[in-house]
Amino acid sequence: MKLQDLHEDASILTNSLAGLIGYLRARSYHEISEDSERALQGTADGFEFRLREHLRDEDVIIFPSLKEILPERGADLEGLKAEHRAMRRLAGNLSELLRKGSLDRAYEVGRTFLAALFHHMDRESRILDTILKELGPEREQRLREILLDRRVRSAVQDLQPQFSEWKAALEVAATDEDFAKIRIRRSGGLATGLHSLRARLERHLKRRVPELRKIEFDYEDTGR
């Protein structure tokens, strides 16, 4: 996720939660079928997954990058991370209530959640806008470089467990604007099964970091 994507993603999240609450409110006027309840649970699970991805990207990639450039803003960013923990708890509570079929209670929790989410998104937007205005051209360029590198490393880390099954390790060898070089290290050379994993990693990188135009791989036999 890039900084310019945050507002759009926040809008999608709030609209998704508002739609879920609207559905819960409407069911108080009429019974809903078992199929509708399953669809409702699927919607809630999808919302929770997107929210957790959004918060993870901010906590692991965006906030540390901003703190590296503007350490004096660390307290503001830590405050936002504390609110993220509350968001995760609310999302988990909402999904659990829906799984149990406690729809009235889920509606109340959802309303509380939506109010908290709106408040958080507004506060976060104001803090990030202020930070961006303080950067200046030189630090803004440095921030772009740091963000790209962290996003590539996060995407690579997502698939490291699958490579570990082949006793292979991934290493980000270089990143530069729209380029990334990934090193695959393994004793005994490149196993046949790693070819498909490499293709999966390339697709994953392009999804998580869509501005990448070139991805290179090299291989290191650690047994030599």
C-alpha atoms as a PDB file:
ATOM      1  CA  MET A   1       0.000   0.000   0.000  1.00  0.00           C
ATOM      2  CA  LYS A   2       1.224   3.485  -0.919  1.00  0.00           C
ATOM      3  CA  LEU A   3       0.448   6.639   1.058  1.00  0.00           C
ATOM      4  CA  GLN A   4      -1.881   7.924  -1.652  1.00  0.00           C
ATOM      5  CA  ASP A   5      -3.896   4.694  -1.387  1.00  0.00           C
ATOM      6  CA  LEU A   6      -4.703   5.174   2.308  1.00  0.00           C
ATOM      7  CA  HIS A   7      -7.681   7.502   1.879  1.00  0.00           C
ATOM      8  CA  GLU A   8      -9.257   5.286  -0.782  1.00  0.00           C
ATOM      9  CA  ASP A   9      -8.746   2.137   1.275  1.00  0.00           C
ATOM     10  CA  ALA A  10     -10.165   3.836   4.395  1.00  0.00           C
ATOM     11  CA  SER A  11     -13.265   4.839   2.432  1.00  0.00           C
ATOM     12  CA  ILE A  12     -13.747   1.263   1.203  1.00  0.00           C
ATOM     13  CA  LEU A  13     -13.443  -0.055   4.771  1.00  0.00           C
ATOM     14  CA  THR A  14     -15.935   2.389   6.275  1.00  0.00           C
ATOM     15  CA  ASN A  15     -18.429   1.829   3.445  1.00  0.00           C
ATOM     16  CA  SER A  16     -18.103  -1.940   3.835  1.00  0.00           C
ATOM     17  CA  LEU A  17     -18.729  -1.780   7.590  1.00  0.00           C
ATOM     18  CA  ALA A  18     -21.638   0.653   7.130  1.00  0.00           C
ATOM     19  CA  GLY A  19     -23.210  -1.752   4.632  1.00  0.00           C
ATOM     20  CA  LEU A  20     -22.809  -4.633   7.054  1.00  0.00           C
ATOM     21  CA  ILE A  21     -24.480  -2.642   9.842  1.00  0.00           C
ATOM     22  CA  GLY A  22     -27.278  -1.622   7.503  1.00  0.00           C
ATOM     23  CA  TYR A  23     -27.951  -5.274   6.750  1.00  0.00           C
ATOM     24  CA  LEU A  24     -28.001  -6.116  10.454  1.00  0.00           C
ATOM     25  CA  ARG A  25     -30.417  -3.266  11.102  1.00  0.00           C
ATOM     26  CA  ALA A  26     -32.729  -4.350   8.285  1.00  0.00           C
ATOM     27  CA  ARG A  27     -32.942  -7.930   9.564  1.00  0.00           C
ATOM     28  CA  SER A  28     -34.602  -6.635  12.740  1.00  0.00           C
ATOM     29  CA  TYR A  29     -37.701  -6.034  10.603  1.00  0.00           C
ATOM     30  CA  HIS A  30     -37.817  -9.484   9.035  1.00  0.00           C
ATOM     31  CA  GLU A  31     -36.256 -12.907   9.350  1.00  0.00           C
ATOM     32  CA  ILE A  32     -33.256 -13.750   7.202  1.00  0.00           C
ATOM     33  CA  SER A  33     -32.531 -17.140   5.703  1.00  0.00           C
ATOM     34  CA  GLU A  34     -29.678 -19.447   6.636  1.00  0.00           C
ATOM     35  CA  ASP A  35     -28.056 -18.689   3.273  1.00  0.00           C
ATOM     36  CA  SER A  36     -28.269 -14.961   4.033  1.00  0.00           C
ATOM     37  CA  GLU A  37     -26.638 -15.508   7.408  1.00  0.00           C
ATOM     38  CA  ARG A  38     -23.772 -17.353   5.733  1.00  0.00           C
ATOM     39  CA  ALA A  39     -23.403 -14.523   3.213  1.00  0.00           C
ATOM     40  CA  LEU A  40     -23.402 -12.041   6.083  1.00  0.00           C
ATOM     41  CA  GLN A  41     -20.625 -13.975   7.813  1.00  0.00           C
ATOM     42  CA  GLY A  42     -18.640 -14.059   4.578  1.00  0.00           C
ATOM     43  CA  THR A  43     -19.003 -10.279   4.234  1.00  0.00           C
ATOM     44  CA  ALA A  44     -17.812  -9.795   7.817  1.00  0.00           C
ATOM     45  CA  ASP A  45     -14.847 -12.129   7.317  1.00  0.00           C
ATOM     46  CA  GLY A  46     -13.889 -10.274   4.128  1.00  0.00           C
ATOM     47  CA  PHE A  47     -14.076  -6.941   5.935  1.00  0.00           C
ATOM     48  CA  GLU A  48     -11.956  -8.224   8.816  1.00  0.00           C
ATOM     49  CA  PHE A  49      -9.316  -9.596   6.410  1.00  0.00           C
ATOM     50  CA  ARG A  50      -9.095  -6.296   4.498  1.00  0.00           C
ATOM     51  CA  LEU A  51      -8.943  -4.304   7.724  1.00  0.00           C
ATOM     52  CA  ARG A  52      -6.133  -6.453   9.113  1.00  0.00           C
ATOM     53  CA  GLU A  53      -4.158  -6.097   5.863  1.00  0.00           C
ATOM     54  CA  HIS A  54      -4.676  -2.331   5.952  1.00  0.00           C
ATOM     55  CA  LEU A  55      -3.536  -2.064   9.575  1.00  0.00           C
ATOM     56  CA  ARG A  56      -0.601  -4.412   9.025  1.00  0.00           C
ATOM     57  CA  ASP A  57       0.667  -2.325   6.103  1.00  0.00           C
ATOM     58  CA  GLU A  58       0.469   0.813   8.212  1.00  0.00           C
ATOM     59  CA  ASP A  59       2.065  -0.726  11.324  1.00  0.00           C
ATOM     60  CA  VAL A  60       4.831  -2.658   9.542  1.00  0.00           C
ATOM     61  CA  ILE A  61       5.567  -0.488   6.497  1.00  0.00           C
ATOM     62  CA  ILE A  62       4.176   3.036   6.512  1.00  0.00           C
ATOM     63  CA  PHE A  63       4.513   4.156  10.123  1.00  0.00           C
ATOM     64  CA  PRO A  64       8.086   2.844  10.625  1.00  0.00           C
ATOM     65  CA  SER A  65       9.093   4.539   7.357  1.00  0.00           C
ATOM     66  CA  LEU A  66       7.604   7.859   8.450  1.00  0.00           C
ATOM     67  CA  LYS A  67       9.216   7.531  11.875  1.00  0.00           C
ATOM     68  CA  GLU A  68      12.603   6.920  10.251  1.00  0.00           C
ATOM     69  CA  ILE A  69      12.271  10.170   8.296  1.00  0.00           C
ATOM     70  CA  LEU A  70      10.575  12.221  11.048  1.00  0.00           C
ATOM     71  CA  PRO A  71      11.427  10.654  14.423  1.00  0.00           C
ATOM     72  CA  GLU A  72       9.864  13.612  16.241  1.00  0.00           C
ATOM     73  CA  ARG A  73       6.470  12.344  15.024  1.00  0.00           C
ATOM     74  CA  GLY A  74       6.961   8.996  16.721  1.00  0.00           C
ATOM     75  CA  ALA A  75       4.479   9.701  19.537  1.00  0.00           C
ATOM     76  CA  ASP A  76       1.680  10.506  17.065  1.00  0.00           C
ATOM     77  CA  LEU A  77       2.353   7.333  15.105  1.00  0.00           C
ATOM     78  CA  GLU A  78       2.455   5.177  18.253  1.00  0.00           C
ATOM     79  CA  GLY A  79      -0.906   6.641  19.216  1.00  0.00           C
ATOM     80  CA  LEU A  80      -2.355   5.550  15.893  1.00  0.00           C
ATOM     81  CA  LYS A  81      -0.917   2.053  16.367  1.00  0.00           C
ATOM     82  CA  ALA A  82      -2.634   1.827  19.761  1.00  0.00           C
ATOM     83  CA  GLU A  83      -5.933   2.660  18.043  1.00  0.00           C
ATOM     84  CA  HIS A  84      -5.176  -0.086  15.514  1.00  0.00           C
ATOM     85  CA  ARG A  85      -5.072  -2.624  18.324  1.00  0.00           C
ATOM     86  CA  ALA A  86      -8.548  -1.497  19.400  1.00  0.00           C
ATOM     87  CA  MET A  87      -9.773  -1.824  15.783  1.00  0.00           C
ATOM     88  CA  ARG A  88      -8.506  -5.401  15.614  1.00  0.00           C
ATOM     89  CA  ARG A  89     -10.297  -6.299  18.851  1.00  0.00           C
ATOM     90  CA  LEU A  90     -13.579  -4.816  17.609  1.00  0.00           C
ATOM     91  CA  ALA A  91     -13.281  -6.631  14.266  1.00  0.00           C
ATOM     92  CA  GLY A  92     -12.629  -9.917  16.043  1.00  0.00           C
ATOM     93  CA  ASN A  93     -15.570  -9.367  18.411  1.00  0.00           C
ATOM     94  CA  LEU A  94     -17.916  -8.572  15.522  1.00  0.00           C
ATOM     95  CA  SER A  95     -16.944 -11.676  13.550  1.00  0.00           C
ATOM     96  CA  GLU A  96     -17.261 -13.878  16.628  1.00  0.00           C
ATOM     97  CA  LEU A  97     -20.765 -12.571  17.414  1.00  0.00           C
ATOM     98  CA  LEU A  98     -21.855 -13.228  13.830  1.00  0.00           C
ATOM     99  CA  ARG A  99     -20.461 -16.759  13.967  1.00  0.00           C
ATOM    100  CA  LYS A 100     -22.508 -17.366  17.122  1.00  0.00           C
ATOM    101  CA  GLY A 101     -25.630 -15.917  15.505  1.00  0.00           C
ATOM    102  CA  SER A 102     -25.844 -13.092  18.073  1.00  0.00           C
ATOM    103  CA  LEU A 103     -27.072 -10.626  15.472  1.00  0.00           C
ATOM    104  CA  ASP A 104     -28.616  -8.042  17.836  1.00  0.00           C
ATOM    105  CA  ARG A 105     -25.402  -7.824  19.819  1.00  0.00           C
ATOM    106  CA  ALA A 106     -23.389  -7.759  16.568  1.00  0.00           C
ATOM    107  CA  TYR A 107     -25.446  -4.763  15.442  1.00  0.00           C
ATOM    108  CA  GLU A 108     -24.606  -2.836  18.624  1.00  0.00           C
ATOM    109  CA  VAL A 109     -20.906  -3.717  18.409  1.00  0.00           C
ATOM    110  CA  GLY A 110     -20.925  -2.790  14.725  1.00  0.00           C
ATOM    111  CA  ARG A 111     -22.331   0.666  15.461  1.00  0.00           C
ATOM    112  CA  THR A 112     -19.673   1.251  18.099  1.00  0.00           C
ATOM    113  CA  PHE A 113     -17.033  -0.029  15.682  1.00  0.00           C
ATOM    114  CA  LEU A 114     -18.161   2.263  12.851  1.00  0.00           C
ATOM    115  CA  ALA A 115     -18.059   5.351  15.099  1.00  0.00           C
ATOM    116  CA  ALA A 116     -14.568   4.392  16.319  1.00  0.00           C
ATOM    117  CA  LEU A 117     -13.404   3.704  12.765  1.00  0.00           C
ATOM    118  CA  PHE A 118     -14.638   7.084  11.481  1.00  0.00           C
ATOM    119  CA  HIS A 119     -12.921   8.851  14.391  1.00  0.00           C
ATOM    120  CA  HIS A 120      -9.682   6.965  13.811  1.00  0.00           C
ATOM    121  CA  MET A 121      -9.621   7.533  10.059  1.00  0.00           C
ATOM    122  CA  ASP A 122     -10.221  11.268  10.533  1.00  0.00           C
ATOM    123  CA  ARG A 123      -7.459  11.578  13.134  1.00  0.00           C
ATOM    124  CA  GLU A 124      -5.049   9.492  11.074  1.00  0.00           C
ATOM    125  CA  SER A 125      -5.745  11.546   7.949  1.00  0.00           C
ATOM    126  CA  ARG A 126      -5.004  14.809   9.762  1.00  0.00           C
ATOM    127  CA  ILE A 127      -1.765  13.486  11.273  1.00  0.00           C
ATOM    128  CA  LEU A 128      -0.487  12.025   7.999  1.00  0.00           C
ATOM    129  CA  ASP A 129      -1.394  15.171   6.024  1.00  0.00           C
ATOM    130  CA  THR A 130       0.575  17.255   8.533  1.00  0.00           C
ATOM    131  CA  ILE A 131       3.571  14.920   8.313  1.00  0.00           C
ATOM    132  CA  LEU A 132       3.591  14.994   4.510  1.00  0.00           C
ATOM    133  CA  LYS A 133       3.564  18.806   4.518  1.00  0.00           C
ATOM    134  CA  GLU A 134       6.654  18.788   6.755  1.00  0.00           C
ATOM    135  CA  LEU A 135       8.746  16.530   4.547  1.00  0.00           C
ATOM    136  CA  GLY A 136      10.068  18.707   1.743  1.00  0.00           C
ATOM    137  CA  PRO A 137      11.327  17.340  -1.612  1.00  0.00           C
ATOM    138  CA  GLU A 138      14.508  15.647  -0.361  1.00  0.00           C
ATOM    139  CA  ARG A 139      12.893  13.764   2.515  1.00  0.00           C
ATOM    140  CA  GLU A 140       9.859  12.945   0.363  1.00  0.00           C
ATOM    141  CA  GLN A 141      12.125  11.216  -2.153  1.00  0.00           C
ATOM    142  CA  ARG A 142      13.882   9.349   0.647  1.00  0.00           C
ATOM    143  CA  LEU A 143      10.493   8.285   2.032  1.00  0.00           C
ATOM    144  CA  ARG A 144       9.481   6.835  -1.361  1.00  0.00           C
ATOM    145  CA  GLU A 145      12.690   4.788  -1.431  1.00  0.00           C
ATOM    146  CA  ILE A 146      12.183   3.477   2.103  1.00  0.00           C
ATOM    147  CA  LEU A 147       8.522   2.651   1.479  1.00  0.00           C
ATOM    148  CA  LEU A 148       9.316   0.696  -1.679  1.00  0.00           C
ATOM    149  CA  ASP A 149      12.028  -1.298   0.062  1.00  0.00           C
ATOM    150  CA  ARG A 150       9.823  -2.109   3.068  1.00  0.00           C
ATOM    151  CA  ARG A 151       6.883  -3.093   0.866  1.00  0.00           C
ATOM    152  CA  VAL A 152       9.061  -5.456  -1.169  1.00  0.00           C
ATOM    153  CA  ARG A 153      10.519  -6.997   1.987  1.00  0.00           C
ATOM    154  CA  SER A 154       7.054  -7.444   3.501  1.00  0.00           C
ATOM    155  CA  ALA A 155       5.778  -9.157   0.347  1.00  0.00           C
ATOM    156  CA  VAL A 156       8.808 -11.461   0.241  1.00  0.00           C
ATOM    157  CA  GLN A 157       8.332 -12.344   3.908  1.00  0.00           C
ATOM    158  CA  ASP A 158       4.749 -13.425   3.169  1.00  0.00           C
ATOM    159  CA  LEU A 159       6.031 -16.378   1.109  1.00  0.00           C
ATOM    160  CA  GLN A 160       9.160 -17.215   3.090  1.00  0.00           C
ATOM    161  CA  PRO A 161       7.417 -20.114   4.948  1.00  0.00           C
ATOM    162  CA  GLN A 162       6.634 -21.826   1.644  1.00  0.00           C
ATOM    163  CA  PHE A 163      10.247 -21.515   0.497  1.00  0.00           C
ATOM    164  CA  SER A 164      11.413 -22.793   3.874  1.00  0.00           C
ATOM    165  CA  GLU A 165       9.655 -26.089   3.128  1.00  0.00           C
ATOM    166  CA  TRP A 166      12.252 -26.499   0.356  1.00  0.00           C
ATOM    167  CA  LYS A 167      15.025 -25.434   2.766  1.00  0.00           C
ATOM    168  CA  ALA A 168      15.413 -22.218   0.807  1.00  0.00           C
ATOM    169  CA  ALA A 169      15.789 -18.687   2.145  1.00  0.00           C
ATOM    170  CA  LEU A 170      14.738 -15.447   0.454  1.00  0.00           C
ATOM    171  CA  GLU A 171      16.752 -12.264   0.557  1.00  0.00           C
ATOM    172  CA  VAL A 172      15.984  -8.838  -0.916  1.00  0.00           C
ATOM    173  CA  ALA A 173      19.261  -8.045  -2.642  1.00  0.00           C
ATOM    174  CA  ALA A 174      18.318  -4.631  -4.050  1.00  0.00           C
ATOM    175  CA  THR A 175      15.422  -2.240  -4.670  1.00  0.00           C
ATOM    176  CA  ASP A 176      15.445   0.906  -6.771  1.00  0.00           C
ATOM    177  CA  GLU A 177      12.369   2.865  -7.902  1.00  0.00           C
ATOM    178  CA  ASP A 178      10.495   0.307 -10.050  1.00  0.00           C
ATOM    179  CA  PHE A 179      13.012  -2.547  -9.667  1.00  0.00           C
ATOM    180  CA  ALA A 180      13.615  -5.348  -7.182  1.00  0.00           C
ATOM    181  CA  LYS A 181      16.211  -8.108  -7.084  1.00  0.00           C
ATOM    182  CA  ILE A 182      15.469 -11.193  -4.998  1.00  0.00           C
ATOM    183  CA  ARG A 183      18.073 -13.801  -4.045  1.00  0.00           C
ATOM    184  CA  ILE A 184      17.056 -17.414  -3.381  1.00  0.00           C
ATOM    185  CA  ARG A 185      19.596 -19.193  -1.185  1.00  0.00           C
ATOM    186  CA  ARG A 186      19.604 -22.981  -0.868  1.00  0.00           C
ATOM    187  CA  SER A 187      22.069 -25.757  -0.273  1.00  0.00           C
ATOM    188  CA  GLY A 188      22.195 -28.089  -3.272  1.00  0.00           C
ATOM    189  CA  GLY A 189      20.998 -25.628  -5.891  1.00  0.00           C
ATOM    190  CA  LEU A 190      17.555 -24.848  -7.207  1.00  0.00           C
ATOM    191  CA  ALA A 191      15.044 -27.675  -6.753  1.00  0.00           C
ATOM    192  CA  THR A 192      12.454 -28.229  -9.478  1.00  0.00           C
ATOM    193  CA  GLY A 193       9.567 -27.348  -7.166  1.00  0.00           C
ATOM    194  CA  LEU A 194      11.030 -23.926  -6.482  1.00  0.00           C
ATOM    195  CA  HIS A 195      10.340 -22.804 -10.052  1.00  0.00           C
ATOM    196  CA  SER A 196       6.587 -22.654  -9.451  1.00  0.00           C
ATOM    197  CA  LEU A 197       7.150 -20.976  -6.081  1.00  0.00           C
ATOM    198  CA  ARG A 198       9.314 -18.354  -7.753  1.00  0.00           C
ATOM    199  CA  ALA A 199       6.509 -17.630 -10.237  1.00  0.00           C
ATOM    200  CA  ARG A 200       4.076 -17.345  -7.328  1.00  0.00           C
ATOM    201  CA  LEU A 201       6.406 -14.930  -5.555  1.00  0.00           C
ATOM    202  CA  GLU A 202       6.692 -12.799  -8.684  1.00  0.00           C
ATOM    203  CA  ARG A 203       2.894 -12.600  -8.975  1.00  0.00           C
ATOM    204  CA  HIS A 204       2.608 -11.765  -5.275  1.00  0.00           C
ATOM    205  CA  LEU A 205       5.190  -8.989  -5.574  1.00  0.00           C
ATOM    206  CA  LYS A 206       3.369  -7.454  -8.529  1.00  0.00           C
ATOM    207  CA  ARG A 207       0.114  -7.521  -6.581  1.00  0.00           C
ATOM    208  CA  ARG A 208       1.547  -6.029  -3.398  1.00  0.00           C
ATOM    209  CA  VAL A 209       3.899  -3.579  -5.156  1.00  0.00           C
ATOM    210  CA  PRO A 210       2.225  -2.878  -8.518  1.00  0.00           C
ATOM    211  CA  GLU A 211       4.649  -0.141  -9.543  1.00  0.00           C
ATOM    212  CA  LEU A 212       7.440  -2.727  -9.890  1.00  0.00           C
ATOM    213  CA  ARG A 213       8.301  -2.969 -13.589  1.00  0.00           C
ATOM    214  CA  LYS A 214      11.232  -5.351 -13.319  1.00  0.00           C
ATOM    215  CA  ILE A 215      11.866  -8.208 -10.902  1.00  0.00           C
ATOM    216  CA  GLU A 216      15.091 -10.196 -11.098  1.00  0.00           C
ATOM    217  CA  PHE A 217      16.001 -13.403  -9.294  1.00  0.00           C
ATOM    218  CA  ASP A 218      19.398 -14.907  -8.656  1.00  0.00           C
ATOM    219  CA  TYR A 219      20.350 -18.117  -6.881  1.00  0.00           C
ATOM    220  CA  GLU A 220      23.016 -18.919  -4.361  1.00  0.00           C
ATOM    221  CA  ASP A 221      24.008 -22.481  -3.543  1.00  0.00           C
ATOM    222  CA  THR A 222      24.914 -22.243   0.149  1.00  0.00           C
ATOM    223  CA  GLY A 223      26.430 -25.729   0.097  1.00  0.00           C
ATOM    224  CA  ARG A 224      29.423 -24.694  -1.947  1.00  0.00           C
END
